[in-house]
């Protein structure tokens, strides 16, 4: 048998030295860190989405539903209207903040709309199917969520404007 082949076979089948073990452990450690980076990003995204859904899920009593207001010529200020996605919101007073959290799991792509109002007195929500008016009252916070084409309103919220 040629000497170079004998040398190759004897070195290939020798027991690993301490430095060989440390080298292999180092390579495996680097591979584990590289593999965990995308997992950390996925977890951070999932955690942020879950925290948003939790923060914007406001409990409270339902807002009173009222008939469409009839504008009066003596009104000093008409309703302020804004569009968020394909939904139209209107309010009488106050400030508003809106988000679009994702429904359900990590791979779910559908979102719903949530808006918090500081002191609206009157809120109008127009979807593709209907228009609903809520009267939370002057100086009361309200949160409106629209899932699909179904709006809902609760008294309460943490947004201060």
N, C-alpha and C. Protein backbone atom coordinates (compact mmCIF):
# COMPACT_ATOMS: atom_id res chain seq x y z
N UNK A 1 0.85 -1.16 0.00
CA UNK A 1 0.00 0.00 0.00
C UNK A 1 0.90 1.23 0.00
N UNK A 2 0.57 2.22 -0.83
CA UNK A 2 1.40 3.43 -0.88
C UNK A 2 1.38 4.15 0.46
N UNK A 3 2.46 4.85 0.75
CA UNK A 3 2.60 5.50 2.05
C UNK A 3 1.63 6.66 2.23
N UNK A 4 1.36 7.39 1.17
CA UNK A 4 0.43 8.52 1.34
C UNK A 4 -0.99 8.02 1.64
N UNK A 5 -1.37 6.84 1.09
CA UNK A 5 -2.68 6.28 1.38
C UNK A 5 -2.72 5.75 2.81
N UNK A 6 -1.65 5.14 3.25
CA UNK A 6 -1.57 4.64 4.62
C UNK A 6 -1.67 5.80 5.61
N UNK A 7 -0.95 6.88 5.29
CA UNK A 7 -0.99 8.05 6.17
C UNK A 7 -2.40 8.64 6.22
N UNK A 8 -3.07 8.70 5.08
CA UNK A 8 -4.43 9.24 5.03
C UNK A 8 -5.38 8.38 5.85
N UNK A 9 -5.29 7.07 5.71
CA UNK A 9 -6.18 6.18 6.44
C UNK A 9 -5.91 6.22 7.94
N UNK A 10 -4.68 6.30 8.33
CA UNK A 10 -4.37 6.30 9.76
C UNK A 10 -4.75 7.63 10.40
N UNK A 11 -4.61 8.74 9.68
CA UNK A 11 -5.00 10.03 10.27
C UNK A 11 -6.52 10.19 10.24
N UNK A 12 -7.19 9.59 9.26
CA UNK A 12 -8.64 9.73 9.18
C UNK A 12 -9.33 8.94 10.29
N UNK A 13 -8.73 7.90 10.75
CA UNK A 13 -9.37 7.06 11.76
C UNK A 13 -8.79 7.23 13.16
N UNK A 14 -8.00 8.23 13.35
CA UNK A 14 -7.44 8.45 14.69
C UNK A 14 -8.49 9.06 15.60
N UNK A 15 -8.31 8.94 16.88
CA UNK A 15 -9.26 9.53 17.82
C UNK A 15 -9.04 11.05 17.83
N UNK A 16 -10.13 11.81 17.98
CA UNK A 16 -10.00 13.27 17.91
C UNK A 16 -9.24 13.82 19.11
N UNK A 17 -8.45 14.82 18.83
CA UNK A 17 -7.71 15.47 19.91
C UNK A 17 -8.61 16.52 20.58
N UNK A 18 -8.12 17.05 21.67
CA UNK A 18 -8.89 18.07 22.39
C UNK A 18 -9.14 19.29 21.51
N UNK A 19 -8.16 19.72 20.73
CA UNK A 19 -8.34 20.89 19.86
C UNK A 19 -9.36 20.60 18.76
N UNK A 20 -9.42 19.36 18.27
CA UNK A 20 -10.44 19.00 17.27
C UNK A 20 -11.84 19.13 17.85
N UNK A 21 -12.01 18.71 19.10
CA UNK A 21 -13.31 18.80 19.76
C UNK A 21 -13.71 20.26 19.95
N UNK A 22 -12.76 21.09 20.39
CA UNK A 22 -13.06 22.51 20.58
C UNK A 22 -13.36 23.20 19.25
N UNK A 23 -12.64 22.82 18.19
CA UNK A 23 -12.93 23.40 16.87
C UNK A 23 -14.34 23.04 16.42
N UNK A 24 -14.72 21.78 16.59
CA UNK A 24 -16.06 21.35 16.18
C UNK A 24 -17.12 22.05 17.03
N UNK A 25 -16.88 22.19 18.33
CA UNK A 25 -17.83 22.87 19.20
C UNK A 25 -17.97 24.34 18.81
N UNK A 26 -16.87 24.96 18.44
CA UNK A 26 -16.92 26.37 18.01
C UNK A 26 -17.73 26.54 16.74
N UNK A 27 -17.52 25.63 15.78
CA UNK A 27 -18.28 25.70 14.53
C UNK A 27 -19.76 25.48 14.80
N UNK A 28 -20.08 24.49 15.64
CA UNK A 28 -21.48 24.23 15.97
C UNK A 28 -22.10 25.42 16.72
N UNK A 29 -21.34 26.06 17.59
CA UNK A 29 -21.84 27.23 18.30
C UNK A 29 -22.15 28.38 17.37
N UNK A 30 -21.26 28.63 16.42
CA UNK A 30 -21.49 29.70 15.44
C UNK A 30 -22.71 29.38 14.59
N UNK A 31 -22.85 28.13 14.17
CA UNK A 31 -24.02 27.73 13.38
C UNK A 31 -25.31 27.89 14.18
N UNK A 32 -25.28 27.57 15.47
CA UNK A 32 -26.47 27.73 16.31
C UNK A 32 -26.85 29.21 16.44
N UNK A 33 -25.86 30.08 16.60
CA UNK A 33 -26.15 31.52 16.69
C UNK A 33 -26.72 32.04 15.39
N UNK A 34 -26.13 31.65 14.28
CA UNK A 34 -26.62 32.10 12.97
C UNK A 34 -28.04 31.60 12.73
N UNK A 35 -28.31 30.36 13.12
CA UNK A 35 -29.66 29.80 12.93
C UNK A 35 -30.68 30.46 13.85
N UNK A 36 -30.26 30.95 15.01
CA UNK A 36 -31.21 31.54 15.95
C UNK A 36 -31.58 32.99 15.61
N UNK A 37 -30.79 33.68 14.81
CA UNK A 37 -31.09 35.07 14.48
C UNK A 37 -32.45 35.24 13.80
N UNK A 38 -32.78 34.46 12.77
CA UNK A 38 -34.12 34.61 12.20
C UNK A 38 -35.22 34.25 13.20
N UNK A 39 -34.98 33.29 14.05
CA UNK A 39 -35.98 32.92 15.05
C UNK A 39 -36.24 34.06 16.03
N UNK A 40 -35.19 34.79 16.40
CA UNK A 40 -35.37 35.93 17.29
C UNK A 40 -36.18 37.02 16.60
N UNK A 41 -35.93 37.25 15.31
CA UNK A 41 -36.71 38.24 14.56
C UNK A 41 -38.17 37.84 14.45
N UNK A 42 -38.42 36.57 14.21
CA UNK A 42 -39.80 36.07 14.12
C UNK A 42 -40.50 36.24 15.46
N UNK A 43 -39.82 35.89 16.54
CA UNK A 43 -40.43 36.04 17.87
C UNK A 43 -40.72 37.50 18.19
N UNK A 44 -39.78 38.39 17.86
CA UNK A 44 -39.99 39.82 18.14
C UNK A 44 -41.19 40.36 17.38
N UNK A 45 -41.34 39.97 16.12
CA UNK A 45 -42.48 40.41 15.32
C UNK A 45 -43.78 39.88 15.90
N UNK A 46 -43.82 38.60 16.22
CA UNK A 46 -45.02 37.99 16.81
C UNK A 46 -45.37 38.66 18.13
N UNK A 47 -44.37 38.91 18.96
CA UNK A 47 -44.59 39.52 20.26
C UNK A 47 -45.13 40.95 20.12
N UNK A 48 -44.59 41.72 19.17
CA UNK A 48 -45.08 43.08 18.94
C UNK A 48 -46.53 43.08 18.47
N UNK A 49 -46.87 42.18 17.56
CA UNK A 49 -48.25 42.10 17.06
C UNK A 49 -49.21 41.71 18.18
N UNK A 50 -48.80 40.78 19.00
CA UNK A 50 -49.65 40.35 20.11
C UNK A 50 -49.83 41.48 21.12
N UNK A 51 -48.76 42.21 21.41
CA UNK A 51 -48.85 43.33 22.35
C UNK A 51 -49.77 44.42 21.80
N UNK A 52 -49.72 44.67 20.49
CA UNK A 52 -50.61 45.68 19.89
C UNK A 52 -52.07 45.26 20.02
N UNK A 53 -52.35 43.99 19.70
CA UNK A 53 -53.74 43.51 19.83
C UNK A 53 -54.22 43.63 21.27
N UNK A 54 -53.36 43.31 22.23
CA UNK A 54 -53.74 43.38 23.64
C UNK A 54 -53.96 44.83 24.07
N UNK A 55 -53.06 45.73 23.66
CA UNK A 55 -53.17 47.14 24.08
C UNK A 55 -54.39 47.82 23.49
N UNK A 56 -54.79 47.42 22.28
CA UNK A 56 -55.91 48.08 21.61
C UNK A 56 -57.23 47.32 21.79
N UNK A 57 -57.24 46.27 22.57
CA UNK A 57 -58.48 45.56 22.89
C UNK A 57 -59.03 46.17 24.18
N UNK A 58 -59.85 47.18 24.04
CA UNK A 58 -60.32 47.97 25.18
C UNK A 58 -61.64 47.39 25.69
N UNK A 59 -61.69 46.99 26.97
CA UNK A 59 -62.97 46.54 27.53
C UNK A 59 -63.79 47.74 27.98
N UNK A 60 -65.07 47.56 28.03
CA UNK A 60 -65.93 48.64 28.51
C UNK A 60 -67.35 48.45 28.04
N UNK A 61 -68.25 49.28 28.55
CA UNK A 61 -69.64 49.20 28.12
C UNK A 61 -69.79 49.73 26.69
N UNK A 62 -70.79 49.25 26.01
CA UNK A 62 -71.04 49.68 24.63
C UNK A 62 -71.45 51.14 24.58
N UNK A 63 -71.06 51.80 23.50
CA UNK A 63 -71.49 53.19 23.27
C UNK A 63 -72.95 53.19 22.84
N UNK A 64 -73.71 54.20 23.22
CA UNK A 64 -75.09 54.30 22.74
C UNK A 64 -75.13 54.55 21.24
N UNK A 65 -75.98 53.81 20.55
CA UNK A 65 -76.18 54.01 19.11
C UNK A 65 -77.30 55.02 18.94
N UNK A 66 -77.09 55.99 18.04
CA UNK A 66 -78.09 57.03 17.81
C UNK A 66 -78.40 57.11 16.32
N UNK A 67 -79.48 57.78 16.00
CA UNK A 67 -79.85 58.01 14.60
C UNK A 67 -78.90 59.04 14.00
N UNK A 68 -78.86 59.07 12.68
CA UNK A 68 -77.99 60.03 11.99
C UNK A 68 -78.37 61.45 12.40
N UNK A 69 -77.37 62.26 12.73
CA UNK A 69 -77.69 63.62 13.16
C UNK A 69 -78.16 64.47 11.98
N UNK A 70 -79.04 65.38 12.26
CA UNK A 70 -79.51 66.32 11.24
C UNK A 70 -78.73 67.61 11.43
N UNK A 71 -77.93 67.99 10.42
CA UNK A 71 -77.12 69.20 10.59
C UNK A 71 -78.01 70.43 10.77
N UNK A 72 -77.62 71.24 11.69
CA UNK A 72 -78.36 72.47 11.98
C UNK A 72 -77.59 73.66 11.40
N UNK A 73 -78.27 74.63 10.83
CA UNK A 73 -77.56 75.79 10.29
C UNK A 73 -76.85 76.59 11.38
N UNK A 74 -77.26 76.43 12.61
CA UNK A 74 -76.63 77.18 13.70
C UNK A 74 -75.38 76.48 14.24
N UNK A 75 -75.07 75.29 13.74
CA UNK A 75 -73.88 74.59 14.22
C UNK A 75 -72.63 75.35 13.80
N UNK A 76 -71.77 75.54 14.76
CA UNK A 76 -70.53 76.26 14.48
C UNK A 76 -69.50 75.38 13.80
N UNK A 77 -69.59 74.10 14.04
CA UNK A 77 -68.54 73.22 13.52
C UNK A 77 -69.17 71.93 13.01
N UNK A 78 -68.92 71.59 11.74
CA UNK A 78 -69.45 70.32 11.23
C UNK A 78 -68.59 69.16 11.73
N UNK A 79 -69.05 67.95 11.45
CA UNK A 79 -68.29 66.76 11.84
C UNK A 79 -66.96 66.73 11.09
N UNK A 80 -65.90 66.34 11.79
CA UNK A 80 -64.60 66.15 11.16
C UNK A 80 -64.57 64.73 10.61
N UNK A 81 -64.29 64.59 9.31
CA UNK A 81 -64.31 63.29 8.64
C UNK A 81 -62.89 62.92 8.23
N UNK A 82 -62.54 61.65 8.43
CA UNK A 82 -61.27 61.12 7.92
C UNK A 82 -61.50 59.69 7.47
N UNK A 83 -60.62 59.24 6.58
CA UNK A 83 -60.72 57.89 6.02
C UNK A 83 -59.52 57.08 6.51
N UNK A 84 -59.79 55.89 6.95
CA UNK A 84 -58.74 54.97 7.37
C UNK A 84 -58.99 53.65 6.65
N UNK A 85 -58.16 53.37 5.68
CA UNK A 85 -58.42 52.22 4.81
C UNK A 85 -59.67 52.51 4.01
N UNK A 86 -60.57 51.57 3.97
CA UNK A 86 -61.82 51.74 3.23
C UNK A 86 -62.98 52.13 4.14
N UNK A 87 -62.66 52.63 5.33
CA UNK A 87 -63.68 53.02 6.31
C UNK A 87 -63.60 54.53 6.52
N UNK A 88 -64.76 55.14 6.63
CA UNK A 88 -64.84 56.58 6.89
C UNK A 88 -65.30 56.79 8.33
N UNK A 89 -64.56 57.61 9.05
CA UNK A 89 -64.89 57.95 10.43
C UNK A 89 -65.21 59.44 10.51
N UNK A 90 -66.12 59.80 11.37
CA UNK A 90 -66.40 61.21 11.63
C UNK A 90 -66.54 61.40 13.13
N UNK A 91 -66.19 62.60 13.58
CA UNK A 91 -66.29 62.91 15.00
C UNK A 91 -66.64 64.38 15.16
N UNK A 92 -67.22 64.69 16.28
CA UNK A 92 -67.62 66.07 16.56
C UNK A 92 -66.46 66.85 17.17
N UNK A 93 -65.79 66.28 18.16
CA UNK A 93 -64.70 66.96 18.86
C UNK A 93 -63.56 65.97 19.11
N UNK A 94 -62.49 66.48 19.71
CA UNK A 94 -61.42 65.64 20.22
C UNK A 94 -60.40 65.20 19.19
N UNK A 95 -59.53 64.32 19.67
CA UNK A 95 -58.45 63.77 18.86
C UNK A 95 -58.70 62.29 18.64
N UNK A 96 -57.94 61.71 17.70
CA UNK A 96 -58.12 60.30 17.38
C UNK A 96 -56.77 59.67 17.05
N UNK A 97 -56.63 58.40 17.39
CA UNK A 97 -55.46 57.61 17.02
C UNK A 97 -55.95 56.24 16.57
N UNK A 98 -55.40 55.76 15.44
CA UNK A 98 -55.88 54.50 14.86
C UNK A 98 -54.71 53.55 14.57
N UNK A 99 -55.00 52.26 14.61
CA UNK A 99 -54.06 51.21 14.20
C UNK A 99 -54.83 50.13 13.45
N UNK A 100 -54.07 49.26 12.80
CA UNK A 100 -54.68 48.12 12.10
C UNK A 100 -53.97 46.84 12.54
N UNK A 101 -54.36 46.28 13.70
CA UNK A 101 -53.74 45.03 14.15
C UNK A 101 -54.14 43.86 13.25
N UNK A 102 -53.27 42.87 13.19
CA UNK A 102 -53.59 41.66 12.42
C UNK A 102 -54.46 40.73 13.25
N UNK A 103 -55.36 40.08 12.57
CA UNK A 103 -56.23 39.08 13.21
C UNK A 103 -55.43 37.81 13.45
N UNK A 104 -55.70 37.11 14.52
CA UNK A 104 -55.24 35.74 14.74
C UNK A 104 -53.75 35.54 14.76
N UNK A 105 -53.31 34.45 14.09
CA UNK A 105 -51.95 33.96 14.18
C UNK A 105 -50.92 34.75 13.41
N UNK A 106 -49.69 34.22 13.42
CA UNK A 106 -48.54 34.91 12.83
C UNK A 106 -48.66 35.05 11.32
N UNK A 107 -49.17 34.05 10.65
CA UNK A 107 -49.23 34.08 9.20
C UNK A 107 -50.53 34.67 8.67
N UNK A 108 -51.40 35.12 9.55
CA UNK A 108 -52.67 35.73 9.15
C UNK A 108 -52.41 37.10 8.54
N UNK A 109 -52.98 37.37 7.38
CA UNK A 109 -52.75 38.64 6.70
C UNK A 109 -53.90 39.63 6.87
N UNK A 110 -55.05 39.21 7.35
CA UNK A 110 -56.17 40.12 7.47
C UNK A 110 -56.01 41.01 8.70
N UNK A 111 -56.40 42.26 8.55
CA UNK A 111 -56.33 43.21 9.64
C UNK A 111 -57.71 43.76 9.93
N UNK A 112 -57.85 44.38 11.07
CA UNK A 112 -59.07 45.10 11.40
C UNK A 112 -58.65 46.50 11.86
N UNK A 113 -59.59 47.41 11.88
CA UNK A 113 -59.29 48.80 12.23
C UNK A 113 -59.78 49.10 13.65
N UNK A 114 -58.94 49.81 14.40
CA UNK A 114 -59.30 50.24 15.74
C UNK A 114 -58.90 51.70 15.88
N UNK A 115 -59.83 52.53 16.34
CA UNK A 115 -59.55 53.95 16.57
C UNK A 115 -60.00 54.33 17.97
N UNK A 116 -59.14 55.08 18.66
CA UNK A 116 -59.48 55.61 19.98
C UNK A 116 -59.72 57.11 19.85
N UNK A 117 -60.80 57.57 20.43
CA UNK A 117 -61.19 58.97 20.39
C UNK A 117 -61.11 59.54 21.80
N UNK A 118 -60.61 60.79 21.93
CA UNK A 118 -60.44 61.38 23.26
C UNK A 118 -61.75 61.92 23.83
N UNK A 119 -62.47 62.71 23.08
CA UNK A 119 -63.71 63.33 23.59
C UNK A 119 -64.62 63.64 22.40
N UNK A 120 -65.11 62.64 21.71
CA UNK A 120 -65.75 62.89 20.42
C UNK A 120 -67.17 63.44 20.47
N UNK A 121 -67.91 63.20 21.53
CA UNK A 121 -69.33 63.55 21.65
C UNK A 121 -70.18 62.73 20.69
N UNK A 122 -69.78 62.65 19.42
CA UNK A 122 -70.51 61.88 18.41
C UNK A 122 -69.49 61.26 17.46
N UNK A 123 -69.68 59.97 17.15
CA UNK A 123 -68.79 59.27 16.22
C UNK A 123 -69.64 58.64 15.13
N UNK A 124 -69.24 58.84 13.89
CA UNK A 124 -69.88 58.18 12.76
C UNK A 124 -68.91 57.22 12.11
N UNK A 125 -69.37 56.02 11.77
CA UNK A 125 -68.54 55.01 11.12
C UNK A 125 -69.27 54.55 9.87
N UNK A 126 -68.63 54.72 8.71
CA UNK A 126 -69.23 54.31 7.45
C UNK A 126 -68.38 53.21 6.83
N UNK A 127 -68.98 52.03 6.67
CA UNK A 127 -68.33 50.91 6.00
C UNK A 127 -69.00 50.72 4.64
N UNK A 128 -68.60 49.68 3.93
CA UNK A 128 -69.20 49.42 2.62
C UNK A 128 -70.68 49.08 2.75
N UNK A 129 -71.09 48.55 3.90
CA UNK A 129 -72.47 48.09 4.06
C UNK A 129 -73.40 49.10 4.73
N UNK A 130 -72.86 49.93 5.67
CA UNK A 130 -73.77 50.78 6.42
C UNK A 130 -73.03 51.92 7.11
N UNK A 131 -73.82 52.83 7.67
CA UNK A 131 -73.30 53.92 8.49
C UNK A 131 -73.95 53.83 9.86
N UNK A 132 -73.12 53.91 10.91
CA UNK A 132 -73.60 53.82 12.29
C UNK A 132 -73.08 55.05 13.03
N UNK A 133 -73.93 55.62 13.88
CA UNK A 133 -73.52 56.75 14.72
C UNK A 133 -73.59 56.34 16.19
N UNK A 134 -72.54 56.69 16.91
CA UNK A 134 -72.46 56.42 18.34
C UNK A 134 -72.38 57.76 19.08
N UNK A 135 -72.96 57.80 20.26
CA UNK A 135 -72.93 59.02 21.08
C UNK A 135 -72.33 58.70 22.45
N UNK A 136 -70.98 58.66 22.54
CA UNK A 136 -70.36 58.37 23.83
C UNK A 136 -70.53 59.50 24.83
N UNK A 137 -70.80 60.69 24.35
CA UNK A 137 -70.97 61.83 25.25
C UNK A 137 -69.76 62.74 25.21
N UNK A 138 -69.96 63.96 25.65
CA UNK A 138 -68.88 64.95 25.65
C UNK A 138 -67.87 64.61 26.73
N UNK A 139 -66.59 64.65 26.37
CA UNK A 139 -65.53 64.42 27.34
C UNK A 139 -65.28 62.98 27.71
N UNK A 140 -65.91 62.04 27.04
CA UNK A 140 -65.71 60.61 27.35
C UNK A 140 -64.91 59.96 26.23
N UNK A 141 -63.94 59.15 26.62
CA UNK A 141 -63.16 58.41 25.64
C UNK A 141 -63.98 57.28 25.06
N UNK A 142 -63.70 56.96 23.80
CA UNK A 142 -64.40 55.85 23.14
C UNK A 142 -63.42 55.15 22.20
N UNK A 143 -63.63 53.85 22.02
CA UNK A 143 -62.82 53.05 21.11
C UNK A 143 -63.74 52.35 20.14
N UNK A 144 -63.46 52.53 18.84
CA UNK A 144 -64.26 51.91 17.79
C UNK A 144 -63.39 50.88 17.08
N UNK A 145 -63.91 49.66 16.96
CA UNK A 145 -63.24 48.60 16.21
C UNK A 145 -64.14 48.19 15.06
N UNK A 146 -63.53 47.96 13.89
CA UNK A 146 -64.28 47.51 12.72
C UNK A 146 -63.64 46.22 12.23
N UNK A 147 -64.34 45.12 12.44
CA UNK A 147 -63.89 43.80 11.96
C UNK A 147 -64.79 43.42 10.81
N UNK A 148 -64.18 43.19 9.65
CA UNK A 148 -64.98 42.97 8.45
C UNK A 148 -65.68 44.27 8.12
N UNK A 149 -66.97 44.26 8.05
CA UNK A 149 -67.76 45.48 7.86
C UNK A 149 -68.65 45.75 9.06
N UNK A 150 -68.28 45.20 10.22
CA UNK A 150 -69.10 45.34 11.42
C UNK A 150 -68.40 46.23 12.43
N UNK A 151 -68.89 47.46 12.63
CA UNK A 151 -68.29 48.33 13.63
C UNK A 151 -68.84 48.04 15.03
N UNK A 152 -68.01 48.30 16.03
CA UNK A 152 -68.45 48.23 17.42
C UNK A 152 -67.76 49.36 18.17
N UNK A 153 -68.39 49.82 19.23
CA UNK A 153 -67.85 50.95 20.00
C UNK A 153 -68.00 50.64 21.49
N UNK A 154 -66.94 50.91 22.25
CA UNK A 154 -67.00 50.79 23.70
C UNK A 154 -66.54 52.10 24.33
N UNK A 155 -67.08 52.39 25.49
CA UNK A 155 -66.65 53.56 26.24
C UNK A 155 -65.35 53.20 26.95
N UNK A 156 -64.32 53.99 26.72
CA UNK A 156 -63.03 53.74 27.35
C UNK A 156 -61.91 53.82 26.34
N UNK A 157 -60.71 53.84 26.85
CA UNK A 157 -59.51 53.92 26.04
C UNK A 157 -58.42 54.60 26.84
N UNK A 158 -57.20 54.53 26.34
CA UNK A 158 -56.08 55.13 27.05
C UNK A 158 -55.45 56.29 26.28
N UNK A 159 -55.85 56.50 25.03
CA UNK A 159 -55.27 57.57 24.22
C UNK A 159 -55.69 58.93 24.78
N UNK A 160 -54.69 59.82 24.94
CA UNK A 160 -54.97 61.13 25.52
C UNK A 160 -54.84 62.28 24.54
N UNK A 161 -54.38 62.02 23.33
CA UNK A 161 -54.27 63.08 22.33
C UNK A 161 -53.03 63.83 22.50
